[in-house]
Amino acid sequence: MKKIALVIASVIAVLGFMAVPAYADDMCNTYNGPDKDIICGSHTEDDAQNKIGTVLNAVFGITGIVAAIVIVIGGVFYVTSQGDPGKVTRAKSTILYAVIGLIISLLAFAIVNFILGAMK
């Protein structure tokens, strides 16, 4: 008797935890929350491309600002070197590397925007 009760309880427990199919279309017709477009799938690939482009453009902008600051710091090093060859070399290399970084950042910006524009 205990075994039969245990089997019936086990079957009821297993069936109780089974997934019930959800109908998303019905939910999307009645749900009006702030994230309805994400849940119901009304977003497009253009939205994702725009978000990726915005994030990458912000990163490239920050990189450009940092490169400009490093160029200014290299200029200060050059002005304050007082003719010391070691300090002059350090200042010139700082400016050179900052300019190279700025050029790479600008090229990356152009390539990413070209690719995102071609994907639309």
N, C-alpha and C. Protein backbone atom coordinates (compact mmCIF):
# COMPACT_ATOMS: atom_id res chain seq x y z
N MET A 1 0.81 -1.19 0.00
CA MET A 1 0.00 0.00 0.00
C MET A 1 0.86 1.26 0.00
N LYS A 2 1.94 1.22 0.78
CA LYS A 2 2.82 2.38 0.83
C LYS A 2 3.52 2.58 -0.51
N LYS A 3 3.88 1.48 -1.17
CA LYS A 3 4.55 1.60 -2.47
C LYS A 3 3.62 2.23 -3.50
N ILE A 4 2.36 1.86 -3.51
CA ILE A 4 1.41 2.43 -4.47
C ILE A 4 1.21 3.91 -4.20
N ALA A 5 1.09 4.28 -2.94
CA ALA A 5 0.94 5.69 -2.59
C ALA A 5 2.17 6.49 -2.97
N LEU A 6 3.36 5.90 -2.78
CA LEU A 6 4.60 6.56 -3.16
C LEU A 6 4.71 6.73 -4.66
N VAL A 7 4.31 5.72 -5.43
CA VAL A 7 4.33 5.82 -6.89
C VAL A 7 3.35 6.89 -7.37
N ILE A 8 2.15 6.90 -6.82
CA ILE A 8 1.14 7.90 -7.22
C ILE A 8 1.61 9.30 -6.86
N ALA A 9 2.18 9.46 -5.68
CA ALA A 9 2.69 10.77 -5.26
C ALA A 9 3.85 11.21 -6.16
N SER A 10 4.71 10.27 -6.53
CA SER A 10 5.83 10.59 -7.42
C SER A 10 5.33 11.02 -8.79
N VAL A 11 4.34 10.31 -9.33
CA VAL A 11 3.80 10.66 -10.65
C VAL A 11 3.14 12.04 -10.59
N ILE A 12 2.40 12.31 -9.54
CA ILE A 12 1.76 13.63 -9.40
C ILE A 12 2.81 14.72 -9.26
N ALA A 13 3.87 14.46 -8.51
CA ALA A 13 4.93 15.46 -8.34
C ALA A 13 5.63 15.73 -9.66
N VAL A 14 5.93 14.67 -10.41
CA VAL A 14 6.61 14.86 -11.70
C VAL A 14 5.71 15.60 -12.67
N LEU A 15 4.46 15.22 -12.75
CA LEU A 15 3.54 15.91 -13.66
C LEU A 15 3.28 17.34 -13.22
N GLY A 16 3.33 17.59 -11.93
CA GLY A 16 3.11 18.94 -11.43
C GLY A 16 4.22 19.90 -11.82
N PHE A 17 5.43 19.39 -12.00
CA PHE A 17 6.56 20.25 -12.35
C PHE A 17 6.80 20.33 -13.85
N MET A 18 5.99 19.69 -14.65
CA MET A 18 6.18 19.74 -16.09
C MET A 18 5.81 21.13 -16.60
N ALA A 19 6.49 21.53 -17.65
CA ALA A 19 6.26 22.86 -18.20
C ALA A 19 4.94 22.90 -18.95
N VAL A 20 4.26 24.00 -18.77
CA VAL A 20 3.01 24.24 -19.48
C VAL A 20 3.35 25.17 -20.63
N PRO A 21 2.88 24.87 -21.84
CA PRO A 21 3.24 25.73 -22.96
C PRO A 21 2.71 27.15 -22.76
N ALA A 22 3.55 28.12 -23.09
CA ALA A 22 3.16 29.52 -22.98
C ALA A 22 2.94 30.07 -24.38
N TYR A 23 1.95 30.85 -24.51
CA TYR A 23 1.63 31.45 -25.80
C TYR A 23 2.04 32.91 -25.76
N ALA A 24 3.18 33.21 -26.37
CA ALA A 24 3.75 34.56 -26.30
C ALA A 24 2.89 35.57 -27.04
N ASP A 25 2.23 35.14 -28.10
CA ASP A 25 1.41 36.09 -28.84
C ASP A 25 0.29 36.64 -27.96
N ASP A 26 -0.33 35.77 -27.18
CA ASP A 26 -1.38 36.25 -26.29
C ASP A 26 -0.82 37.19 -25.24
N MET A 27 0.36 36.87 -24.72
CA MET A 27 0.97 37.72 -23.72
C MET A 27 1.32 39.09 -24.31
N CYS A 28 1.81 39.10 -25.53
CA CYS A 28 2.20 40.37 -26.14
C CYS A 28 0.99 41.25 -26.43
N ASN A 29 -0.16 40.64 -26.64
CA ASN A 29 -1.36 41.44 -26.88
C ASN A 29 -1.88 42.09 -25.60
N THR A 30 -1.58 41.48 -24.45
CA THR A 30 -2.10 42.01 -23.20
C THR A 30 -1.06 42.73 -22.36
N TYR A 31 0.22 42.48 -22.58
CA TYR A 31 1.28 43.07 -21.76
C TYR A 31 1.64 44.45 -22.28
N ASN A 32 1.70 45.43 -21.39
CA ASN A 32 2.04 46.79 -21.80
C ASN A 32 3.17 47.36 -20.95
N GLY A 33 4.11 46.51 -20.51
CA GLY A 33 5.21 46.95 -19.68
C GLY A 33 6.26 47.71 -20.47
N PRO A 34 7.26 48.27 -19.76
CA PRO A 34 8.29 49.08 -20.41
C PRO A 34 9.21 48.29 -21.34
N ASP A 35 9.30 46.98 -21.13
CA ASP A 35 10.18 46.17 -21.98
C ASP A 35 9.40 45.29 -22.92
N LYS A 36 8.24 45.76 -23.36
CA LYS A 36 7.39 44.98 -24.25
C LYS A 36 8.07 44.68 -25.59
N ASP A 37 8.83 45.66 -26.12
CA ASP A 37 9.47 45.43 -27.41
C ASP A 37 10.56 44.36 -27.31
N ILE A 38 11.20 44.22 -26.16
CA ILE A 38 12.22 43.19 -25.99
C ILE A 38 11.57 41.82 -25.85
N ILE A 39 10.52 41.75 -25.04
CA ILE A 39 9.85 40.47 -24.80
C ILE A 39 9.12 39.99 -26.05
N CYS A 40 8.45 40.89 -26.72
CA CYS A 40 7.62 40.50 -27.86
C CYS A 40 8.39 40.48 -29.17
N GLY A 41 9.62 40.91 -29.18
CA GLY A 41 10.45 40.80 -30.37
C GLY A 41 10.18 41.85 -31.42
N SER A 42 9.77 43.05 -31.02
CA SER A 42 9.53 44.08 -32.02
C SER A 42 10.78 44.91 -32.28
N HIS A 43 11.92 44.55 -31.69
CA HIS A 43 13.16 45.25 -31.98
C HIS A 43 13.76 44.67 -33.26
N THR A 44 14.62 45.44 -33.88
CA THR A 44 15.19 45.02 -35.16
C THR A 44 16.71 44.94 -35.05
N GLU A 45 17.33 44.45 -36.12
CA GLU A 45 18.78 44.39 -36.16
C GLU A 45 19.38 45.78 -36.21
N ASP A 46 18.66 46.73 -36.79
CA ASP A 46 19.16 48.10 -36.84
C ASP A 46 19.33 48.67 -35.44
N ASP A 47 18.44 48.30 -34.52
CA ASP A 47 18.58 48.77 -33.15
C ASP A 47 19.89 48.27 -32.55
N ALA A 48 20.21 47.01 -32.76
CA ALA A 48 21.45 46.45 -32.23
C ALA A 48 22.66 47.10 -32.88
N GLN A 49 22.60 47.31 -34.19
CA GLN A 49 23.71 47.95 -34.88
C GLN A 49 23.91 49.38 -34.38
N ASN A 50 22.82 50.09 -34.15
CA ASN A 50 22.93 51.45 -33.64
C ASN A 50 23.54 51.47 -32.24
N LYS A 51 23.14 50.53 -31.40
CA LYS A 51 23.70 50.48 -30.05
C LYS A 51 25.18 50.13 -30.08
N ILE A 52 25.55 49.16 -30.90
CA ILE A 52 26.96 48.79 -31.02
C ILE A 52 27.76 49.97 -31.57
N GLY A 53 27.23 50.62 -32.58
CA GLY A 53 27.91 51.79 -33.14
C GLY A 53 28.06 52.90 -32.13
N THR A 54 27.05 53.13 -31.32
CA THR A 54 27.12 54.18 -30.30
C THR A 54 28.19 53.86 -29.26
N VAL A 55 28.22 52.61 -28.81
CA VAL A 55 29.23 52.22 -27.81
C VAL A 55 30.64 52.33 -28.39
N LEU A 56 30.84 51.83 -29.61
CA LEU A 56 32.17 51.88 -30.21
C LEU A 56 32.60 53.32 -30.49
N ASN A 57 31.68 54.15 -30.93
CA ASN A 57 32.03 55.55 -31.16
C ASN A 57 32.41 56.24 -29.85
N ALA A 58 31.75 55.90 -28.76
CA ALA A 58 32.12 56.46 -27.46
C ALA A 58 33.52 56.01 -27.06
N VAL A 59 33.83 54.72 -27.30
CA VAL A 59 35.16 54.21 -26.97
C VAL A 59 36.22 54.90 -27.82
N PHE A 60 35.95 55.07 -29.11
CA PHE A 60 36.92 55.75 -29.97
C PHE A 60 37.07 57.22 -29.59
N GLY A 61 35.99 57.85 -29.16
CA GLY A 61 36.07 59.24 -28.70
C GLY A 61 36.94 59.37 -27.47
N ILE A 62 36.76 58.45 -26.52
CA ILE A 62 37.58 58.46 -25.31
C ILE A 62 39.04 58.21 -25.65
N THR A 63 39.28 57.30 -26.58
CA THR A 63 40.65 57.01 -27.01
C THR A 63 41.29 58.24 -27.65
N GLY A 64 40.53 58.96 -28.46
CA GLY A 64 41.05 60.18 -29.07
C GLY A 64 41.36 61.25 -28.04
N ILE A 65 40.51 61.37 -27.04
CA ILE A 65 40.76 62.37 -25.99
C ILE A 65 42.02 62.00 -25.21
N VAL A 66 42.17 60.72 -24.89
CA VAL A 66 43.37 60.28 -24.16
C VAL A 66 44.62 60.53 -25.01
N ALA A 67 44.55 60.26 -26.31
CA ALA A 67 45.71 60.48 -27.18
C ALA A 67 46.06 61.97 -27.23
N ALA A 68 45.04 62.83 -27.30
CA ALA A 68 45.31 64.28 -27.31
C ALA A 68 45.96 64.73 -26.00
N ILE A 69 45.51 64.17 -24.88
CA ILE A 69 46.10 64.52 -23.59
C ILE A 69 47.55 64.06 -23.52
N VAL A 70 47.83 62.86 -24.05
CA VAL A 70 49.20 62.35 -24.05
C VAL A 70 50.09 63.19 -24.95
N ILE A 71 49.57 63.69 -26.06
CA ILE A 71 50.34 64.58 -26.93
C ILE A 71 50.69 65.87 -26.18
N VAL A 72 49.74 66.41 -25.44
CA VAL A 72 50.01 67.61 -24.65
C VAL A 72 51.06 67.32 -23.58
N ILE A 73 50.95 66.17 -22.92
CA ILE A 73 51.93 65.80 -21.91
C ILE A 73 53.32 65.65 -22.54
N GLY A 74 53.39 65.05 -23.72
CA GLY A 74 54.66 64.96 -24.44
C GLY A 74 55.22 66.32 -24.78
N GLY A 75 54.34 67.26 -25.14
CA GLY A 75 54.78 68.63 -25.41
C GLY A 75 55.33 69.30 -24.16
N VAL A 76 54.69 69.06 -23.04
CA VAL A 76 55.20 69.62 -21.78
C VAL A 76 56.56 69.01 -21.44
N PHE A 77 56.70 67.70 -21.67
CA PHE A 77 57.99 67.05 -21.44
C PHE A 77 59.06 67.68 -22.34
N TYR A 78 58.70 67.96 -23.58
CA TYR A 78 59.67 68.52 -24.54
C TYR A 78 60.07 69.93 -24.13
N VAL A 79 59.08 70.72 -23.71
CA VAL A 79 59.38 72.10 -23.32
C VAL A 79 60.24 72.14 -22.05
N THR A 80 59.98 71.24 -21.13
CA THR A 80 60.71 71.25 -19.86
C THR A 80 61.97 70.40 -19.88
N SER A 81 62.37 69.88 -21.04
CA SER A 81 63.55 69.01 -21.11
C SER A 81 64.85 69.79 -20.94
N GLN A 82 64.86 71.05 -21.23
CA GLN A 82 66.02 71.93 -21.09
C GLN A 82 67.25 71.40 -21.82
N GLY A 83 67.02 70.77 -22.97
CA GLY A 83 68.13 70.32 -23.79
C GLY A 83 68.74 69.00 -23.37
N ASP A 84 68.25 68.37 -22.34
CA ASP A 84 68.77 67.07 -21.91
C ASP A 84 68.38 66.02 -22.96
N PRO A 85 69.36 65.36 -23.58
CA PRO A 85 69.05 64.43 -24.67
C PRO A 85 68.11 63.29 -24.26
N GLY A 86 68.23 62.79 -23.04
CA GLY A 86 67.36 61.71 -22.58
C GLY A 86 65.92 62.17 -22.46
N LYS A 87 65.74 63.38 -21.93
CA LYS A 87 64.38 63.91 -21.77
C LYS A 87 63.77 64.28 -23.12
N VAL A 88 64.59 64.79 -24.03
CA VAL A 88 64.09 65.14 -25.36
C VAL A 88 63.65 63.87 -26.09
N THR A 89 64.45 62.82 -26.00
CA THR A 89 64.09 61.55 -26.63
C THR A 89 62.80 61.00 -26.04
N ARG A 90 62.66 61.08 -24.72
CA ARG A 90 61.43 60.61 -24.06
C ARG A 90 60.22 61.41 -24.53
N ALA A 91 60.38 62.73 -24.63
CA ALA A 91 59.27 63.58 -25.07
C ALA A 91 58.88 63.28 -26.51
N LYS A 92 59.88 63.13 -27.38
CA LYS A 92 59.59 62.84 -28.79
C LYS A 92 58.92 61.48 -28.95
N SER A 93 59.39 60.49 -28.20
CA SER A 93 58.77 59.17 -28.32
C SER A 93 57.35 59.19 -27.76
N THR A 94 57.12 59.96 -26.70
CA THR A 94 55.76 60.08 -26.16
C THR A 94 54.82 60.68 -27.19
N ILE A 95 55.26 61.75 -27.84
CA ILE A 95 54.43 62.40 -28.87
C ILE A 95 54.23 61.45 -30.05
N LEU A 96 55.30 60.78 -30.48
CA LEU A 96 55.20 59.86 -31.61
C LEU A 96 54.20 58.73 -31.33
N TYR A 97 54.30 58.11 -30.17
CA TYR A 97 53.40 57.01 -29.85
C TYR A 97 51.96 57.48 -29.69
N ALA A 98 51.78 58.67 -29.17
CA ALA A 98 50.42 59.21 -29.04
C ALA A 98 49.82 59.49 -30.41
N VAL A 99 50.62 60.02 -31.32
CA VAL A 99 50.13 60.28 -32.68
C VAL A 99 49.81 58.97 -33.39
N ILE A 100 50.66 57.96 -33.22
CA ILE A 100 50.39 56.65 -33.82
C ILE A 100 49.10 56.07 -33.25
N GLY A 101 48.92 56.18 -31.94
CA GLY A 101 47.68 55.71 -31.31
C GLY A 101 46.46 56.45 -31.82
N LEU A 102 46.60 57.76 -32.01
CA LEU A 102 45.49 58.56 -32.53
C LEU A 102 45.15 58.15 -33.96
N ILE A 103 46.15 57.91 -34.77
CA ILE A 103 45.92 57.48 -36.16
C ILE A 103 45.23 56.11 -36.18
N ILE A 104 45.70 55.19 -35.36
CA ILE A 104 45.06 53.86 -35.30
C ILE A 104 43.62 53.98 -34.83
N SER A 105 43.38 54.83 -33.85
CA SER A 105 42.02 55.03 -33.35
C SER A 105 41.11 55.62 -34.44
N LEU A 106 41.62 56.58 -35.19
CA LEU A 106 40.82 57.17 -36.28
C LEU A 106 40.54 56.15 -37.38
N LEU A 107 41.54 55.33 -37.71
CA LEU A 107 41.33 54.30 -38.72
C LEU A 107 40.31 53.26 -38.24
N ALA A 108 40.40 52.87 -36.98
CA ALA A 108 39.42 51.92 -36.44
C ALA A 108 38.02 52.52 -36.45
N PHE A 109 37.91 53.79 -36.11
CA PHE A 109 36.62 54.48 -36.15
C PHE A 109 36.05 54.47 -37.57
N ALA A 110 36.89 54.78 -38.55
CA ALA A 110 36.44 54.80 -39.94
C ALA A 110 36.03 53.40 -40.42
N ILE A 111 36.81 52.40 -40.08
CA ILE A 111 36.50 51.04 -40.51
C ILE A 111 35.20 50.55 -39.89
N VAL A 112 35.03 50.76 -38.59
CA VAL A 112 33.81 50.31 -37.92
C VAL A 112 32.59 51.01 -38.49
N ASN A 113 32.67 52.32 -38.68
CA ASN A 113 31.52 53.04 -39.25
C ASN A 113 31.24 52.64 -40.69
N PHE A 114 32.28 52.32 -41.45
CA PHE A 114 32.08 51.84 -42.82
C PHE A 114 31.36 50.50 -42.82
N ILE A 115 31.80 49.59 -41.95
CA ILE A 115 31.19 48.26 -41.89
C ILE A 115 29.75 48.36 -41.39
N LEU A 116 29.50 49.15 -40.35
CA LEU A 116 28.12 49.31 -39.85
C LEU A 116 27.23 49.96 -40.89
N GLY A 117 27.79 50.89 -41.66
CA GLY A 117 27.01 51.52 -42.73
C GLY A 117 26.71 50.56 -43.87
N ALA A 118 27.64 49.67 -44.15
CA ALA A 118 27.44 48.70 -45.23
C ALA A 118 26.43 47.62 -44.83
N MET A 119 26.29 47.38 -43.53
CA MET A 119 25.38 46.34 -43.07
C MET A 119 23.91 46.80 -43.10
N LYS A 120 23.68 48.07 -43.19
CA LYS A 120 22.30 48.57 -43.18
C LYS A 120 21.64 48.39 -44.52
